């Protein structure tokens, strides 16, 4: 299975945005972000 997100980045995201959920058990692992935080998370990923 391909690693889609580095564990250290996931830890940083979970610390900054506690409502983020990660499903690594699915066929295609996914990070779930509430709609209200989506722009902030994308901006964080772009800038950092």
Protein backbone atom coordinates (compact mmCIF):
# COMPACT_ATOMS: atom_id res chain seq x y z
CA UNK A 1 0.00 0.00 0.00
CA UNK A 2 1.29 3.45 -0.89
CA UNK A 3 1.82 5.94 1.95
CA UNK A 4 -0.23 9.00 1.11
CA UNK A 5 0.72 11.16 4.09
CA UNK A 6 3.78 11.16 6.27
CA UNK A 7 3.07 10.27 9.90
CA UNK A 8 4.90 13.37 11.15
CA UNK A 9 2.77 15.64 8.95
CA UNK A 10 -0.37 13.91 10.18
CA UNK A 11 0.72 14.53 13.78
CA UNK A 12 1.26 18.23 13.05
CA UNK A 13 -2.14 18.48 11.36
CA UNK A 14 -3.87 16.74 14.28
CA UNK A 15 -2.14 19.09 16.74
CA UNK A 16 -3.10 22.25 14.84
CA UNK A 17 -6.55 21.02 13.74
CA UNK A 18 -7.87 18.54 16.36
CA UNK A 19 -11.09 17.84 14.43
CA UNK A 20 -9.20 16.25 11.51
CA UNK A 21 -9.74 12.49 11.18
CA UNK A 22 -7.48 10.04 9.34
CA UNK A 23 -8.65 6.68 8.02
CA UNK A 24 -5.63 4.60 7.15
CA UNK A 25 -7.55 1.33 7.06
CA UNK A 26 -9.61 2.17 3.97
CA UNK A 27 -8.72 0.97 0.49
CA UNK A 28 -7.58 4.51 -0.24
CA UNK A 29 -6.49 6.19 3.02
CA UNK A 30 -8.07 9.59 3.55
CA UNK A 31 -7.84 12.66 5.75
CA UNK A 32 -11.27 14.01 6.68
CA UNK A 33 -11.48 17.75 7.31
CA UNK A 34 -14.66 19.52 8.46
CA UNK A 35 -15.90 21.99 5.86
CA UNK A 36 -15.54 24.89 8.28
CA UNK A 37 -11.77 24.25 8.55
CA UNK A 38 -11.00 23.23 4.98
CA UNK A 39 -9.67 26.59 3.79
CA UNK A 40 -7.51 26.97 6.93
CA UNK A 41 -6.05 23.47 6.51
CA UNK A 42 -5.32 23.98 2.82
CA UNK A 43 -3.71 27.35 3.54
CA UNK A 44 -1.59 25.75 6.28
CA UNK A 45 -0.44 22.99 3.91
CA UNK A 46 0.35 25.48 1.18
CA UNK A 47 2.27 27.89 3.42
CA UNK A 48 4.17 25.43 5.61
